Amino acid sequence: RRRGTGREAAAAATSLLITEFERRKVLYRAVL
């Protein structure tokens, strides 16, 4: 956000989050 846009920041953050949930989907499916 300091050098780019809010959309770029949201895209990067969402990508990390989805990658983590996909990698350990069985764990998060059970937890949630």
PDB file of all heavy atoms in Angstrom:
ATOM      1  N   ARG A   1       0.819  -1.218   0.000  1.00  0.00           N
ATOM      2  CA  ARG A   1       0.000   0.000   0.000  1.00  0.00           C
ATOM      3  C   ARG A   1       0.852   1.266   0.000  1.00  0.00           C
ATOM      4  O   ARG A   1       0.402   2.315  -0.457  1.00  0.00           O
ATOM      5  CB  ARG A   1      -0.947  -0.004   1.197  1.00  0.00           C
ATOM      6  CG  ARG A   1      -2.125  -0.970   1.035  1.00  0.00           C
ATOM      7  CD  ARG A   1      -3.038  -0.978   2.243  1.00  0.00           C
ATOM      8  NE  ARG A   1      -4.063  -2.003   2.123  1.00  0.00           N
ATOM      9  CZ  ARG A   1      -5.220  -1.839   1.478  1.00  0.00           C
ATOM     10  NH1 ARG A   1      -5.506  -0.680   0.925  1.00  0.00           N
ATOM     11  NH2 ARG A   1      -6.084  -2.820   1.407  1.00  0.00           N
ATOM     12  N   ARG A   2       2.073   1.172   0.510  1.00  0.00           N
ATOM     13  CA  ARG A   2       2.946   2.358   0.509  1.00  0.00           C
ATOM     14  C   ARG A   2       3.379   2.748  -0.906  1.00  0.00           C
ATOM     15  O   ARG A   2       3.592   3.916  -1.199  1.00  0.00           O
ATOM     16  CB  ARG A   2       4.178   2.107   1.389  1.00  0.00           C
ATOM     17  CG  ARG A   2       3.927   2.336   2.877  1.00  0.00           C
ATOM     18  CD  ARG A   2       5.232   2.460   3.633  1.00  0.00           C
ATOM     19  NE  ARG A   2       5.986   1.220   3.630  1.00  0.00           N
ATOM     20  CZ  ARG A   2       5.877   0.279   4.576  1.00  0.00           C
ATOM     21  NH1 ARG A   2       5.042   0.443   5.590  1.00  0.00           N
ATOM     22  NH2 ARG A   2       6.599  -0.815   4.505  1.00  0.00           N
ATOM     23  N   ARG A   3       3.513   1.745  -1.777  1.00  0.00           N
ATOM     24  CA  ARG A   3       4.018   2.047  -3.126  1.00  0.00           C
ATOM     25  C   ARG A   3       3.045   1.666  -4.231  1.00  0.00           C
ATOM     26  O   ARG A   3       3.247   2.042  -5.393  1.00  0.00           O
ATOM     27  CB  ARG A   3       5.345   1.304  -3.361  1.00  0.00           C
ATOM     28  CG  ARG A   3       5.203  -0.208  -3.394  1.00  0.00           C
ATOM     29  CD  ARG A   3       6.538  -0.888  -3.682  1.00  0.00           C
ATOM     30  NE  ARG A   3       6.394  -2.312  -3.900  1.00  0.00           N
ATOM     31  CZ  ARG A   3       6.380  -3.235  -2.961  1.00  0.00           C
ATOM     32  NH1 ARG A   3       6.528  -2.858  -1.693  1.00  0.00           N
ATOM     33  NH2 ARG A   3       6.239  -4.517  -3.239  1.00  0.00           N
ATOM     34  N   GLY A   4       2.013   0.898  -3.906  1.00  0.00           N
ATOM     35  CA  GLY A   4       1.062   0.432  -4.908  1.00  0.00           C
ATOM     36  C   GLY A   4      -0.360   0.782  -4.533  1.00  0.00           C
ATOM     37  O   GLY A   4      -0.613   1.740  -3.804  1.00  0.00           O
ATOM     38  N   THR A   5      -1.302  -0.021  -5.030  1.00  0.00           N
ATOM     39  CA  THR A   5      -2.716   0.257  -4.809  1.00  0.00           C
ATOM     40  C   THR A   5      -3.324  -0.721  -3.807  1.00  0.00           C
ATOM     41  O   THR A   5      -2.759  -1.778  -3.516  1.00  0.00           O
ATOM     42  CB  THR A   5      -3.487   0.135  -6.130  1.00  0.00           C
ATOM     43  OG1 THR A   5      -3.473  -1.236  -6.569  1.00  0.00           O
ATOM     44  CG2 THR A   5      -2.874   1.009  -7.207  1.00  0.00           C
ATOM     45  N   GLY A   6      -4.491  -0.355  -3.311  1.00  0.00           N
ATOM     46  CA  GLY A   6      -5.213  -1.242  -2.416  1.00  0.00           C
ATOM     47  C   GLY A   6      -5.591  -2.543  -3.098  1.00  0.00           C
ATOM     48  O   GLY A   6      -5.592  -3.609  -2.460  1.00  0.00           O
ATOM     49  N   ARG A   7      -5.902  -2.481  -4.367  1.00  0.00           N
ATOM     50  CA  ARG A   7      -6.250  -3.703  -5.105  1.00  0.00           C
ATOM     51  C   ARG A   7      -5.067  -4.654  -5.182  1.00  0.00           C
ATOM     52  O   ARG A   7      -5.217  -5.868  -5.038  1.00  0.00           O
ATOM     53  CB  ARG A   7      -6.753  -3.350  -6.509  1.00  0.00           C
ATOM     54  CG  ARG A   7      -7.314  -4.542  -7.270  1.00  0.00           C
ATOM     55  CD  ARG A   7      -8.049  -4.099  -8.516  1.00  0.00           C
ATOM     56  NE  ARG A   7      -9.194  -3.257  -8.193  1.00  0.00           N
ATOM     57  CZ  ARG A   7     -10.379  -3.728  -7.804  1.00  0.00           C
ATOM     58  NH1 ARG A   7     -10.564  -5.032  -7.673  1.00  0.00           N
ATOM     59  NH2 ARG A   7     -11.362  -2.897  -7.538  1.00  0.00           N
ATOM     60  N   GLU A   8      -3.878  -4.118  -5.418  1.00  0.00           N
ATOM     61  CA  GLU A   8      -2.673  -4.954  -5.469  1.00  0.00           C
ATOM     62  C   GLU A   8      -2.385  -5.581  -4.113  1.00  0.00           C
ATOM     63  O   GLU A   8      -2.016  -6.764  -4.014  1.00  0.00           O
ATOM     64  CB  GLU A   8      -1.482  -4.112  -5.918  1.00  0.00           C
ATOM     65  CG  GLU A   8      -1.555  -3.677  -7.375  1.00  0.00           C
ATOM     66  CD  GLU A   8      -0.506  -2.638  -7.729  1.00  0.00           C
ATOM     67  OE1 GLU A   8       0.034  -1.981  -6.805  1.00  0.00           O
ATOM     68  OE2 GLU A   8      -0.239  -2.475  -8.933  1.00  0.00           O
ATOM     69  N   ALA A   9      -2.560  -4.798  -3.050  1.00  0.00           N
ATOM     70  CA  ALA A   9      -2.334  -5.316  -1.702  1.00  0.00           C
ATOM     71  C   ALA A   9      -3.329  -6.417  -1.365  1.00  0.00           C
ATOM     72  O   ALA A   9      -2.957  -7.463  -0.820  1.00  0.00           O
ATOM     73  CB  ALA A   9      -2.442  -4.178  -0.684  1.00  0.00           C
ATOM     74  N   ALA A  10      -4.599  -6.200  -1.690  1.00  0.00           N
ATOM     75  CA  ALA A  10      -5.636  -7.193  -1.412  1.00  0.00           C
ATOM     76  C   ALA A  10      -5.393  -8.466  -2.197  1.00  0.00           C
ATOM     77  O   ALA A  10      -5.592  -9.581  -1.690  1.00  0.00           O
ATOM     78  CB  ALA A  10      -7.010  -6.618  -1.730  1.00  0.00           C
ATOM     79  N   ALA A  11      -4.950  -8.334  -3.444  1.00  0.00           N
ATOM     80  CA  ALA A  11      -4.685  -9.502  -4.279  1.00  0.00           C
ATOM     81  C   ALA A  11      -3.545 -10.343  -3.701  1.00  0.00           C
ATOM     82  O   ALA A  11      -3.629 -11.577  -3.647  1.00  0.00           O
ATOM     83  CB  ALA A  11      -4.349  -9.069  -5.705  1.00  0.00           C
ATOM     84  N   ALA A  12      -2.486  -9.684  -3.252  1.00  0.00           N
ATOM     85  CA  ALA A  12      -1.345 -10.398  -2.689  1.00  0.00           C
ATOM     86  C   ALA A  12      -1.726 -11.108  -1.391  1.00  0.00           C
ATOM     87  O   ALA A  12      -1.364 -12.270  -1.170  1.00  0.00           O
ATOM     88  CB  ALA A  12      -0.190  -9.429  -2.445  1.00  0.00           C
ATOM     89  N   ALA A  13      -2.457 -10.407  -0.536  1.00  0.00           N
ATOM     90  CA  ALA A  13      -2.876 -10.988   0.738  1.00  0.00           C
ATOM     91  C   ALA A  13      -3.824 -12.162   0.524  1.00  0.00           C
ATOM     92  O   ALA A  13      -3.690 -13.220   1.162  1.00  0.00           O
ATOM     93  CB  ALA A  13      -3.544  -9.922   1.602  1.00  0.00           C
ATOM     94  N   THR A  14      -4.782 -11.997  -0.378  1.00  0.00           N
ATOM     95  CA  THR A  14      -5.743 -13.060  -0.647  1.00  0.00           C
ATOM     96  C   THR A  14      -5.065 -14.283  -1.247  1.00  0.00           C
ATOM     97  O   THR A  14      -5.415 -15.422  -0.933  1.00  0.00           O
ATOM     98  CB  THR A  14      -6.846 -12.553  -1.602  1.00  0.00           C
ATOM     99  OG1 THR A  14      -7.442 -11.388  -1.053  1.00  0.00           O
ATOM    100  CG2 THR A  14      -7.912 -13.610  -1.805  1.00  0.00           C
ATOM    101  N   SER A  15      -4.082 -14.071  -2.093  1.00  0.00           N
ATOM    102  CA  SER A  15      -3.349 -15.172  -2.702  1.00  0.00           C
ATOM    103  C   SER A  15      -2.642 -16.016  -1.643  1.00  0.00           C
ATOM    104  O   SER A  15      -2.692 -17.253  -1.673  1.00  0.00           O
ATOM    105  CB  SER A  15      -2.329 -14.637  -3.708  1.00  0.00           C
ATOM    106  OG  SER A  15      -1.575 -15.688  -4.266  1.00  0.00           O
ATOM    107  N   LEU A  16      -1.980 -15.362  -0.691  1.00  0.00           N
ATOM    108  CA  LEU A  16      -1.315 -16.085   0.395  1.00  0.00           C
ATOM    109  C   LEU A  16      -2.317 -16.879   1.225  1.00  0.00           C
ATOM    110  O   LEU A  16      -2.062 -18.037   1.599  1.00  0.00           O
ATOM    111  CB  LEU A  16      -0.555 -15.106   1.295  1.00  0.00           C
ATOM    112  CG  LEU A  16       0.741 -14.513   0.760  1.00  0.00           C
ATOM    113  CD1 LEU A  16       1.330 -13.545   1.771  1.00  0.00           C
ATOM    114  CD2 LEU A  16       1.748 -15.617   0.438  1.00  0.00           C
ATOM    115  N   LEU A  17      -3.444 -16.273   1.512  1.00  0.00           N
ATOM    116  CA  LEU A  17      -4.458 -16.914   2.334  1.00  0.00           C
ATOM    117  C   LEU A  17      -5.045 -18.140   1.634  1.00  0.00           C
ATOM    118  O   LEU A  17      -5.186 -19.213   2.241  1.00  0.00           O
ATOM    119  CB  LEU A  17      -5.560 -15.906   2.664  1.00  0.00           C
ATOM    120  CG  LEU A  17      -6.567 -16.288   3.743  1.00  0.00           C
ATOM    121  CD1 LEU A  17      -5.867 -16.586   5.060  1.00  0.00           C
ATOM    122  CD2 LEU A  17      -7.573 -15.165   3.923  1.00  0.00           C
ATOM    123  N   ILE A  18      -5.371 -18.004   0.361  1.00  0.00           N
ATOM    124  CA  ILE A  18      -5.947 -19.124  -0.382  1.00  0.00           C
ATOM    125  C   ILE A  18      -4.935 -20.267  -0.512  1.00  0.00           C
ATOM    126  O   ILE A  18      -5.283 -21.442  -0.377  1.00  0.00           O
ATOM    127  CB  ILE A  18      -6.414 -18.655  -1.773  1.00  0.00           C
ATOM    128  CG1 ILE A  18      -7.621 -17.726  -1.627  1.00  0.00           C
ATOM    129  CG2 ILE A  18      -6.770 -19.846  -2.671  1.00  0.00           C
ATOM    130  CD1 ILE A  18      -8.054 -17.074  -2.931  1.00  0.00           C
ATOM    131  N   THR A  19      -3.672 -19.930  -0.745  1.00  0.00           N
ATOM    132  CA  THR A  19      -2.630 -20.949  -0.839  1.00  0.00           C
ATOM    133  C   THR A  19      -2.527 -21.760   0.444  1.00  0.00           C
ATOM    134  O   THR A  19      -2.412 -22.987   0.424  1.00  0.00           O
ATOM    135  CB  THR A  19      -1.271 -20.301  -1.165  1.00  0.00           C
ATOM    136  OG1 THR A  19      -1.357 -19.644  -2.435  1.00  0.00           O
ATOM    137  CG2 THR A  19      -0.167 -21.337  -1.218  1.00  0.00           C
ATOM    138  N   GLU A  20      -2.572 -21.068   1.585  1.00  0.00           N
ATOM    139  CA  GLU A  20      -2.505 -21.753   2.874  1.00  0.00           C
ATOM    140  C   GLU A  20      -3.716 -22.646   3.088  1.00  0.00           C
ATOM    141  O   GLU A  20      -3.592 -23.797   3.504  1.00  0.00           O
ATOM    142  CB  GLU A  20      -2.392 -20.726   3.997  1.00  0.00           C
ATOM    143  CG  GLU A  20      -2.552 -21.291   5.409  1.00  0.00           C
ATOM    144  CD  GLU A  20      -1.451 -22.263   5.801  1.00  0.00           C
ATOM    145  OE1 GLU A  20      -0.378 -22.274   5.160  1.00  0.00           O
ATOM    146  OE2 GLU A  20      -1.668 -23.031   6.763  1.00  0.00           O
ATOM    147  N   PHE A  21      -4.910 -22.155   2.795  1.00  0.00           N
ATOM    148  CA  PHE A  21      -6.124 -22.951   2.998  1.00  0.00           C
ATOM    149  C   PHE A  21      -6.168 -24.147   2.049  1.00  0.00           C
ATOM    150  O   PHE A  21      -6.634 -25.219   2.426  1.00  0.00           O
ATOM    151  CB  PHE A  21      -7.369 -22.083   2.833  1.00  0.00           C
ATOM    152  CG  PHE A  21      -7.812 -21.422   4.093  1.00  0.00           C
ATOM    153  CD1 PHE A  21      -7.074 -20.382   4.645  1.00  0.00           C
ATOM    154  CD2 PHE A  21      -8.953 -21.847   4.763  1.00  0.00           C
ATOM    155  CE1 PHE A  21      -7.472 -19.768   5.833  1.00  0.00           C
ATOM    156  CE2 PHE A  21      -9.348 -21.240   5.944  1.00  0.00           C
ATOM    157  CZ  PHE A  21      -8.610 -20.206   6.484  1.00  0.00           C
ATOM    158  N   GLU A  22      -5.681 -23.974   0.843  1.00  0.00           N
ATOM    159  CA  GLU A  22      -5.664 -25.090  -0.102  1.00  0.00           C
ATOM    160  C   GLU A  22      -4.651 -26.148   0.325  1.00  0.00           C
ATOM    161  O   GLU A  22      -4.912 -27.352   0.222  1.00  0.00           O
ATOM    162  CB  GLU A  22      -5.325 -24.592  -1.507  1.00  0.00           C
ATOM    163  CG  GLU A  22      -5.372 -25.694  -2.556  1.00  0.00           C
ATOM    164  CD  GLU A  22      -5.041 -25.187  -3.942  1.00  0.00           C
ATOM    165  OE1 GLU A  22      -4.245 -24.228  -4.055  1.00  0.00           O
ATOM    166  OE2 GLU A  22      -5.584 -25.738  -4.921  1.00  0.00           O
ATOM    167  N   ARG A  23      -3.528 -25.713   0.833  1.00  0.00           N
ATOM    168  CA  ARG A  23      -2.464 -26.644   1.214  1.00  0.00           C
ATOM    169  C   ARG A  23      -2.895 -27.540   2.378  1.00  0.00           C
ATOM    170  O   ARG A  23      -2.576 -28.723   2.407  1.00  0.00           O
ATOM    171  CB  ARG A  23      -1.215 -25.850   1.604  1.00  0.00           C
ATOM    172  CG  ARG A  23      -0.063 -26.724   2.027  1.00  0.00           C
ATOM    173  CD  ARG A  23       1.143 -25.902   2.392  1.00  0.00           C
ATOM    174  NE  ARG A  23       2.245 -26.752   2.805  1.00  0.00           N
ATOM    175  CZ  ARG A  23       3.406 -26.294   3.256  1.00  0.00           C
ATOM    176  NH1 ARG A  23       3.602 -24.989   3.337  1.00  0.00           N
ATOM    177  NH2 ARG A  23       4.357 -27.126   3.619  1.00  0.00           N
ATOM    178  N   ARG A  24      -3.614 -26.963   3.331  1.00  0.00           N
ATOM    179  CA  ARG A  24      -4.025 -27.735   4.510  1.00  0.00           C
ATOM    180  C   ARG A  24      -5.544 -27.760   4.615  1.00  0.00           C
ATOM    181  O   ARG A  24      -6.116 -27.549   5.677  1.00  0.00           O
ATOM    182  CB  ARG A  24      -3.396 -27.121   5.762  1.00  0.00           C
ATOM    183  CG  ARG A  24      -1.865 -27.113   5.718  1.00  0.00           C
ATOM    184  CD  ARG A  24      -1.271 -26.686   7.051  1.00  0.00           C
ATOM    185  NE  ARG A  24       0.172 -26.763   7.020  1.00  0.00           N
ATOM    186  CZ  ARG A  24       0.987 -25.719   6.810  1.00  0.00           C
ATOM    187  NH1 ARG A  24       0.474 -24.517   6.614  1.00  0.00           N
ATOM    188  NH2 ARG A  24       2.297 -25.872   6.796  1.00  0.00           N
ATOM    189  N   LYS A  25      -6.181 -28.041   3.495  1.00  0.00           N
ATOM    190  CA  LYS A  25      -7.641 -27.944   3.426  1.00  0.00           C
ATOM    191  C   LYS A  25      -8.347 -28.881   4.393  1.00  0.00           C
ATOM    192  O   LYS A  25      -9.395 -28.528   4.947  1.00  0.00           O
ATOM    193  CB  LYS A  25      -8.126 -28.189   1.998  1.00  0.00           C
ATOM    194  CG  LYS A  25      -7.737 -29.536   1.418  1.00  0.00           C
ATOM    195  CD  LYS A  25      -8.173 -29.639  -0.046  1.00  0.00           C
ATOM    196  CE  LYS A  25      -7.709 -30.947  -0.672  1.00  0.00           C
ATOM    197  NZ  LYS A  25      -8.089 -31.023  -2.104  1.00  0.00           N
ATOM    198  N   VAL A  26      -7.804 -30.080   4.627  1.00  0.00           N
ATOM    199  CA  VAL A  26      -8.462 -31.013   5.544  1.00  0.00           C
ATOM    200  C   VAL A  26      -8.471 -30.448   6.957  1.00  0.00           C
ATOM    201  O   VAL A  26      -9.469 -30.531   7.672  1.00  0.00           O
ATOM    202  CB  VAL A  26      -7.768 -32.390   5.514  1.00  0.00           C
ATOM    203  CG1 VAL A  26      -8.389 -33.322   6.547  1.00  0.00           C
ATOM    204  CG2 VAL A  26      -7.875 -33.009   4.127  1.00  0.00           C
ATOM    205  N   LEU A  27      -7.365 -29.853   7.365  1.00  0.00           N
ATOM    206  CA  LEU A  27      -7.280 -29.257   8.700  1.00  0.00           C
ATOM    207  C   LEU A  27      -8.273 -28.117   8.847  1.00  0.00           C
ATOM    208  O   LEU A  27      -9.062 -28.078   9.795  1.00  0.00           O
ATOM    209  CB  LEU A  27      -5.860 -28.745   8.950  1.00  0.00           C
ATOM    210  CG  LEU A  27      -5.650 -27.948  10.244  1.00  0.00           C
ATOM    211  CD1 LEU A  27      -5.933 -28.801  11.465  1.00  0.00           C
ATOM    212  CD2 LEU A  27      -4.229 -27.377  10.295  1.00  0.00           C
ATOM    213  N   TYR A  28      -8.282 -27.184   7.890  1.00  0.00           N
ATOM    214  CA  TYR A  28      -9.161 -26.022   8.014  1.00  0.00           C
ATOM    215  C   TYR A  28     -10.632 -26.390   7.818  1.00  0.00           C
ATOM    216  O   TYR A  28     -11.504 -25.784   8.419  1.00  0.00           O
ATOM    217  CB  TYR A  28      -8.727 -24.935   7.027  1.00  0.00           C
ATOM    218  CG  TYR A  28      -7.371 -24.374   7.354  1.00  0.00           C
ATOM    219  CD1 TYR A  28      -6.300 -24.496   6.470  1.00  0.00           C
ATOM    220  CD2 TYR A  28      -7.134 -23.742   8.575  1.00  0.00           C
ATOM    221  CE1 TYR A  28      -5.047 -23.994   6.788  1.00  0.00           C
ATOM    222  CE2 TYR A  28      -5.888 -23.245   8.892  1.00  0.00           C
ATOM    223  CZ  TYR A  28      -4.850 -23.376   7.991  1.00  0.00           C
ATOM    224  OH  TYR A  28      -3.603 -22.886   8.324  1.00  0.00           O
ATOM    225  N   ARG A  29     -10.878 -27.394   7.010  1.00  0.00           N
ATOM    226  CA  ARG A  29     -12.261 -27.842   6.842  1.00  0.00           C
ATOM    227  C   ARG A  29     -12.800 -28.385   8.165  1.00  0.00           C
ATOM    228  O   ARG A  29     -13.945 -28.130   8.536  1.00  0.00           O
ATOM    229  CB  ARG A  29     -12.323 -28.912   5.752  1.00  0.00           C
ATOM    230  CG  ARG A  29     -13.728 -29.263   5.304  1.00  0.00           C
ATOM    231  CD  ARG A  29     -13.689 -29.947   3.953  1.00  0.00           C
ATOM    232  NE  ARG A  29     -12.822 -31.118   3.956  1.00  0.00           N
ATOM    233  CZ  ARG A  29     -12.093 -31.504   2.913  1.00  0.00           C
ATOM    234  NH1 ARG A  29     -12.092 -30.796   1.789  1.00  0.00           N
ATOM    235  NH2 ARG A  29     -11.345 -32.584   2.978  1.00  0.00           N
ATOM    236  N   ALA A  30     -11.957 -29.135   8.879  1.00  0.00           N
ATOM    237  CA  ALA A  30     -12.377 -29.671  10.168  1.00  0.00           C
ATOM    238  C   ALA A  30     -12.521 -28.572  11.213  1.00  0.00           C
ATOM    239  O   ALA A  30     -13.490 -28.527  11.973  1.00  0.00           O
ATOM    240  CB  ALA A  30     -11.371 -30.717  10.652  1.00  0.00           C
ATOM    241  N   VAL A  31     -11.563 -27.649  11.220  1.00  0.00           N
ATOM    242  CA  VAL A  31     -11.552 -26.582  12.224  1.00  0.00           C
ATOM    243  C   VAL A  31     -12.718 -25.625  12.042  1.00  0.00           C
ATOM    244  O   VAL A  31     -13.343 -25.180  13.014  1.00  0.00           O
ATOM    245  CB  VAL A  31     -10.212 -25.827  12.168  1.00  0.00           C
ATOM    246  CG1 VAL A  31     -10.280 -24.532  12.957  1.00  0.00           C
ATOM    247  CG2 VAL A  31      -9.091 -26.707  12.699  1.00  0.00           C
ATOM    248  N   LEU A  32     -13.048 -25.307  10.795  1.00  0.00           N
ATOM    249  CA  LEU A  32     -14.120 -24.356  10.533  1.00  0.00           C
ATOM    250  C   LEU A  32     -15.486 -25.016  10.457  1.00  0.00           C
ATOM    251  O   LEU A  32     -16.500 -24.335  10.341  1.00  0.00           O
ATOM    252  CB  LEU A  32     -13.839 -23.596   9.231  1.00  0.00           C
ATOM    253  CG  LEU A  32     -12.580 -22.730   9.247  1.00  0.00           C
ATOM    254  CD1 LEU A  32     -12.326 -22.139   7.873  1.00  0.00           C
ATOM    255  CD2 LEU A  32     -12.695 -21.637  10.293  1.00  0.00           C
TER     256      LEU A  32
END
